[in-house]
Amino acid sequence: MIRHIVMFNAKKYGDDENIEAIYNGLKMLETIKGDWSLKVIKNKKVDHRANDMDIVVYGEFPDETTLAYYKTHPTYQKCTALVRPLRNQRIAVDIPDDNED
């Protein structure tokens, strides 16, 4: 299993308008059907040191092939085109199951 975690922060224009637009755009990823689980979550920002990231996409995929399929889905491509201009930063990590290298 691979845990695919992607964090976004929005470009700031004096309000949280971009956070909502990014969140709503990323929510369409949850509609992609497949052998995985995926959630789009707003950061609660309760950490007392750093709260730079606004939204997190958390997915669990059975393997790299499935993750690659997910990333080629037309809905994923549409989401990327919508969200990219609104975000300031994107950080992604792919964490294998503890039993894998």
N, C-alpha and C. Protein backbone atom coordinates (compact mmCIF):
# COMPACT_ATOMS: atom_id res chain seq x y z
N MET A 1 0.84 -1.19 0.00
CA MET A 1 0.00 0.00 0.00
C MET A 1 0.88 1.25 0.00
N ILE A 2 0.39 2.27 -0.65
CA ILE A 2 1.07 3.57 -0.69
C ILE A 2 0.11 4.63 -0.16
N ARG A 3 0.57 5.38 0.82
CA ARG A 3 -0.19 6.53 1.30
C ARG A 3 0.29 7.74 0.51
N HIS A 4 -0.61 8.33 -0.23
CA HIS A 4 -0.31 9.48 -1.08
C HIS A 4 -0.89 10.70 -0.39
N ILE A 5 -0.02 11.60 0.07
CA ILE A 5 -0.44 12.77 0.83
C ILE A 5 0.05 14.01 0.11
N VAL A 6 -0.89 14.89 -0.21
CA VAL A 6 -0.54 16.11 -0.94
C VAL A 6 -1.12 17.29 -0.16
N MET A 7 -0.28 18.28 0.11
CA MET A 7 -0.70 19.46 0.86
C MET A 7 -0.60 20.69 -0.03
N PHE A 8 -1.57 21.56 0.10
CA PHE A 8 -1.65 22.77 -0.72
C PHE A 8 -1.80 23.99 0.18
N ASN A 9 -1.19 25.08 -0.25
CA ASN A 9 -1.57 26.36 0.34
C ASN A 9 -1.98 27.29 -0.80
N ALA A 10 -2.94 28.12 -0.49
CA ALA A 10 -3.56 28.98 -1.50
C ALA A 10 -2.78 30.28 -1.65
N LYS A 11 -2.81 30.81 -2.87
CA LYS A 11 -2.33 32.16 -3.07
C LYS A 11 -3.24 33.07 -2.27
N LYS A 12 -2.66 34.03 -1.59
CA LYS A 12 -3.45 34.92 -0.72
C LYS A 12 -3.76 36.23 -1.43
N TYR A 13 -5.01 36.62 -1.36
CA TYR A 13 -5.45 37.89 -1.93
C TYR A 13 -6.28 38.67 -0.91
N GLY A 14 -5.98 38.51 0.36
CA GLY A 14 -6.68 39.27 1.38
C GLY A 14 -7.88 38.57 1.99
N ASP A 15 -8.25 37.40 1.45
CA ASP A 15 -9.34 36.63 2.04
C ASP A 15 -9.11 35.15 1.77
N ASP A 16 -10.04 34.34 2.16
CA ASP A 16 -9.89 32.89 2.02
C ASP A 16 -10.59 32.35 0.78
N GLU A 17 -10.86 33.21 -0.17
CA GLU A 17 -11.58 32.81 -1.37
C GLU A 17 -10.87 31.68 -2.11
N ASN A 18 -9.57 31.75 -2.25
CA ASN A 18 -8.83 30.71 -2.97
C ASN A 18 -8.82 29.39 -2.21
N ILE A 19 -8.82 29.43 -0.89
CA ILE A 19 -8.87 28.19 -0.11
C ILE A 19 -10.15 27.44 -0.45
N GLU A 20 -11.26 28.13 -0.48
CA GLU A 20 -12.54 27.48 -0.80
C GLU A 20 -12.55 26.96 -2.22
N ALA A 21 -12.02 27.73 -3.15
CA ALA A 21 -11.99 27.32 -4.55
C ALA A 21 -11.11 26.08 -4.73
N ILE A 22 -9.96 26.05 -4.06
CA ILE A 22 -9.08 24.89 -4.14
C ILE A 22 -9.76 23.68 -3.50
N TYR A 23 -10.32 23.87 -2.33
CA TYR A 23 -11.01 22.78 -1.64
C TYR A 23 -12.12 22.20 -2.53
N ASN A 24 -12.95 23.05 -3.07
CA ASN A 24 -14.04 22.58 -3.92
C ASN A 24 -13.52 21.90 -5.18
N GLY A 25 -12.45 22.42 -5.75
CA GLY A 25 -11.86 21.78 -6.92
C GLY A 25 -11.28 20.41 -6.60
N LEU A 26 -10.59 20.32 -5.47
CA LEU A 26 -9.99 19.04 -5.09
C LEU A 26 -11.04 18.01 -4.70
N LYS A 27 -12.18 18.45 -4.20
CA LYS A 27 -13.23 17.51 -3.81
C LYS A 27 -13.68 16.63 -4.98
N MET A 28 -13.52 17.12 -6.20
CA MET A 28 -13.91 16.29 -7.35
C MET A 28 -13.05 15.03 -7.45
N LEU A 29 -11.87 15.04 -6.84
CA LEU A 29 -11.03 13.84 -6.84
C LEU A 29 -11.71 12.68 -6.12
N GLU A 30 -12.54 13.00 -5.15
CA GLU A 30 -13.24 11.96 -4.39
C GLU A 30 -14.28 11.22 -5.24
N THR A 31 -14.61 11.76 -6.40
CA THR A 31 -15.60 11.11 -7.27
C THR A 31 -14.98 10.08 -8.20
N ILE A 32 -13.65 10.03 -8.27
CA ILE A 32 -12.99 9.06 -9.13
C ILE A 32 -13.13 7.68 -8.48
N LYS A 33 -13.71 6.76 -9.21
CA LYS A 33 -13.94 5.41 -8.69
C LYS A 33 -12.71 4.54 -8.92
N GLY A 34 -12.37 3.76 -7.91
CA GLY A 34 -11.24 2.86 -8.04
C GLY A 34 -11.01 2.09 -6.76
N ASP A 35 -9.98 1.26 -6.79
CA ASP A 35 -9.62 0.40 -5.66
C ASP A 35 -8.70 1.16 -4.70
N TRP A 36 -9.20 2.25 -4.14
CA TRP A 36 -8.43 3.08 -3.22
C TRP A 36 -9.39 3.87 -2.35
N SER A 37 -8.82 4.53 -1.35
CA SER A 37 -9.61 5.47 -0.56
C SER A 37 -8.94 6.84 -0.66
N LEU A 38 -9.75 7.89 -0.66
CA LEU A 38 -9.21 9.23 -0.84
C LEU A 38 -10.11 10.23 -0.13
N LYS A 39 -9.48 11.18 0.58
CA LYS A 39 -10.22 12.24 1.28
C LYS A 39 -9.55 13.57 1.01
N VAL A 40 -10.37 14.60 0.88
CA VAL A 40 -9.89 15.98 0.78
C VAL A 40 -10.32 16.67 2.07
N ILE A 41 -9.35 17.25 2.78
CA ILE A 41 -9.59 17.76 4.12
C ILE A 41 -8.99 19.16 4.26
N LYS A 42 -9.73 20.05 4.90
CA LYS A 42 -9.17 21.37 5.24
C LYS A 42 -8.33 21.22 6.50
N ASN A 43 -7.20 21.89 6.52
CA ASN A 43 -6.33 21.89 7.70
C ASN A 43 -7.02 22.65 8.83
N LYS A 44 -7.11 22.04 9.99
CA LYS A 44 -7.72 22.70 11.16
C LYS A 44 -6.83 23.80 11.73
N LYS A 45 -5.54 23.75 11.41
CA LYS A 45 -4.57 24.78 11.82
C LYS A 45 -4.52 24.98 13.34
N VAL A 46 -4.34 23.90 14.05
CA VAL A 46 -4.22 23.98 15.50
C VAL A 46 -2.78 23.86 15.99
N ASP A 47 -1.86 23.56 15.08
CA ASP A 47 -0.45 23.49 15.47
C ASP A 47 0.04 24.89 15.86
N HIS A 48 0.76 24.99 16.95
CA HIS A 48 1.17 26.31 17.42
C HIS A 48 2.45 26.83 16.75
N ARG A 49 3.05 26.04 15.87
CA ARG A 49 4.29 26.50 15.21
C ARG A 49 4.12 26.78 13.72
N ALA A 50 3.38 25.93 13.04
CA ALA A 50 3.27 26.10 11.58
C ALA A 50 1.90 25.68 11.10
N ASN A 51 1.28 26.56 10.36
CA ASN A 51 -0.03 26.28 9.77
C ASN A 51 -0.07 26.79 8.34
N ASP A 52 1.01 26.54 7.62
CA ASP A 52 1.14 27.08 6.28
C ASP A 52 0.24 26.41 5.25
N MET A 53 -0.07 25.14 5.45
CA MET A 53 -0.83 24.40 4.46
C MET A 53 -2.32 24.52 4.76
N ASP A 54 -3.10 24.71 3.71
CA ASP A 54 -4.54 24.95 3.86
C ASP A 54 -5.38 23.69 3.67
N ILE A 55 -4.99 22.84 2.74
CA ILE A 55 -5.80 21.68 2.36
C ILE A 55 -4.90 20.48 2.17
N VAL A 56 -5.42 19.30 2.53
CA VAL A 56 -4.68 18.05 2.39
C VAL A 56 -5.52 17.06 1.59
N VAL A 57 -4.87 16.39 0.65
CA VAL A 57 -5.47 15.25 -0.03
C VAL A 57 -4.76 14.03 0.53
N TYR A 58 -5.54 13.12 1.13
CA TYR A 58 -4.98 11.90 1.72
C TYR A 58 -5.57 10.69 1.01
N GLY A 59 -4.70 9.91 0.39
CA GLY A 59 -5.16 8.72 -0.32
C GLY A 59 -4.37 7.50 0.07
N GLU A 60 -5.03 6.36 0.01
CA GLU A 60 -4.38 5.07 0.23
C GLU A 60 -4.62 4.23 -1.02
N PHE A 61 -3.52 3.86 -1.68
CA PHE A 61 -3.58 3.13 -2.94
C PHE A 61 -2.88 1.78 -2.76
N PRO A 62 -3.39 0.72 -3.39
CA PRO A 62 -2.79 -0.59 -3.18
C PRO A 62 -1.37 -0.72 -3.74
N ASP A 63 -1.05 0.06 -4.79
CA ASP A 63 0.29 -0.05 -5.39
C ASP A 63 0.55 1.16 -6.29
N GLU A 64 1.76 1.22 -6.81
CA GLU A 64 2.16 2.35 -7.66
C GLU A 64 1.38 2.39 -8.97
N THR A 65 1.05 1.23 -9.51
CA THR A 65 0.30 1.17 -10.77
C THR A 65 -1.07 1.81 -10.60
N THR A 66 -1.73 1.53 -9.50
CA THR A 66 -3.05 2.10 -9.24
C THR A 66 -2.95 3.61 -9.03
N LEU A 67 -1.92 4.05 -8.31
CA LEU A 67 -1.71 5.48 -8.11
C LEU A 67 -1.47 6.18 -9.46
N ALA A 68 -0.68 5.55 -10.32
CA ALA A 68 -0.41 6.13 -11.64
C ALA A 68 -1.69 6.21 -12.47
N TYR A 69 -2.55 5.19 -12.39
CA TYR A 69 -3.83 5.21 -13.10
C TYR A 69 -4.69 6.38 -12.61
N TYR A 70 -4.77 6.55 -11.30
CA TYR A 70 -5.53 7.64 -10.70
C TYR A 70 -5.07 8.99 -11.25
N LYS A 71 -3.76 9.16 -11.37
CA LYS A 71 -3.20 10.44 -11.83
C LYS A 71 -3.43 10.70 -13.32
N THR A 72 -3.81 9.67 -14.08
CA THR A 72 -4.09 9.87 -15.50
C THR A 72 -5.58 10.00 -15.77
N HIS A 73 -6.40 9.87 -14.75
CA HIS A 73 -7.86 9.95 -14.93
C HIS A 73 -8.24 11.36 -15.40
N PRO A 74 -9.20 11.49 -16.31
CA PRO A 74 -9.61 12.82 -16.80
C PRO A 74 -10.06 13.77 -15.69
N THR A 75 -10.70 13.26 -14.65
CA THR A 75 -11.13 14.13 -13.55
C THR A 75 -9.92 14.68 -12.80
N TYR A 76 -8.89 13.86 -12.65
CA TYR A 76 -7.65 14.33 -12.01
C TYR A 76 -7.04 15.45 -12.85
N GLN A 77 -7.00 15.25 -14.15
CA GLN A 77 -6.43 16.26 -15.05
C GLN A 77 -7.23 17.57 -14.99
N LYS A 78 -8.55 17.46 -14.97
CA LYS A 78 -9.41 18.64 -14.87
C LYS A 78 -9.17 19.37 -13.55
N CYS A 79 -9.06 18.61 -12.47
CA CYS A 79 -8.80 19.18 -11.15
C CYS A 79 -7.47 19.93 -11.13
N THR A 80 -6.45 19.33 -11.69
CA THR A 80 -5.13 19.95 -11.74
C THR A 80 -5.18 21.29 -12.48
N ALA A 81 -5.85 21.30 -13.61
CA ALA A 81 -5.96 22.54 -14.39
C ALA A 81 -6.70 23.63 -13.62
N LEU A 82 -7.68 23.25 -12.83
CA LEU A 82 -8.45 24.22 -12.06
C LEU A 82 -7.67 24.74 -10.85
N VAL A 83 -6.99 23.85 -10.14
CA VAL A 83 -6.35 24.19 -8.86
C VAL A 83 -4.98 24.85 -9.03
N ARG A 84 -4.20 24.42 -10.00
CA ARG A 84 -2.82 24.91 -10.14
C ARG A 84 -2.70 26.43 -10.10
N PRO A 85 -3.53 27.19 -10.83
CA PRO A 85 -3.36 28.65 -10.79
C PRO A 85 -3.76 29.30 -9.46
N LEU A 86 -4.47 28.57 -8.61
CA LEU A 86 -4.93 29.13 -7.34
C LEU A 86 -3.99 28.85 -6.17
N ARG A 87 -3.11 27.90 -6.37
CA ARG A 87 -2.25 27.49 -5.26
C ARG A 87 -0.91 28.20 -5.30
N ASN A 88 -0.35 28.37 -4.14
CA ASN A 88 0.99 28.93 -4.01
C ASN A 88 2.03 27.81 -3.94
N GLN A 89 1.68 26.76 -3.21
CA GLN A 89 2.63 25.68 -2.98
C GLN A 89 1.89 24.35 -2.95
N ARG A 90 2.59 23.31 -3.41
CA ARG A 90 2.08 21.94 -3.36
C ARG A 90 3.22 21.07 -2.86
N ILE A 91 2.96 20.28 -1.84
CA ILE A 91 3.95 19.35 -1.30
C ILE A 91 3.32 17.97 -1.32
N ALA A 92 4.02 17.00 -1.91
CA ALA A 92 3.49 15.65 -2.00
C ALA A 92 4.48 14.66 -1.42
N VAL A 93 3.94 13.66 -0.74
CA VAL A 93 4.75 12.54 -0.24
C VAL A 93 4.02 11.25 -0.54
N ASP A 94 4.78 10.22 -0.86
CA ASP A 94 4.24 8.88 -1.08
C ASP A 94 4.94 7.95 -0.11
N ILE A 95 4.18 7.42 0.82
CA ILE A 95 4.73 6.62 1.91
C ILE A 95 4.32 5.17 1.71
N PRO A 96 5.29 4.26 1.54
CA PRO A 96 4.95 2.85 1.39
C PRO A 96 4.52 2.25 2.73
N ASP A 97 3.81 1.14 2.62
CA ASP A 97 3.43 0.39 3.81
C ASP A 97 4.69 0.04 4.59
N ASP A 98 4.57 -0.10 5.90
CA ASP A 98 5.72 -0.39 6.76
C ASP A 98 6.46 -1.66 6.35
N ASN A 99 5.79 -2.56 5.67
CA ASN A 99 6.41 -3.82 5.27
C ASN A 99 7.18 -3.72 3.97
N GLU A 100 7.14 -2.56 3.33
CA GLU A 100 7.81 -2.37 2.06
C GLU A 100 9.06 -1.52 2.24
N ASP A 101 9.94 -1.58 1.28
CA ASP A 101 11.15 -0.73 1.30
C ASP A 101 10.86 0.62 0.74
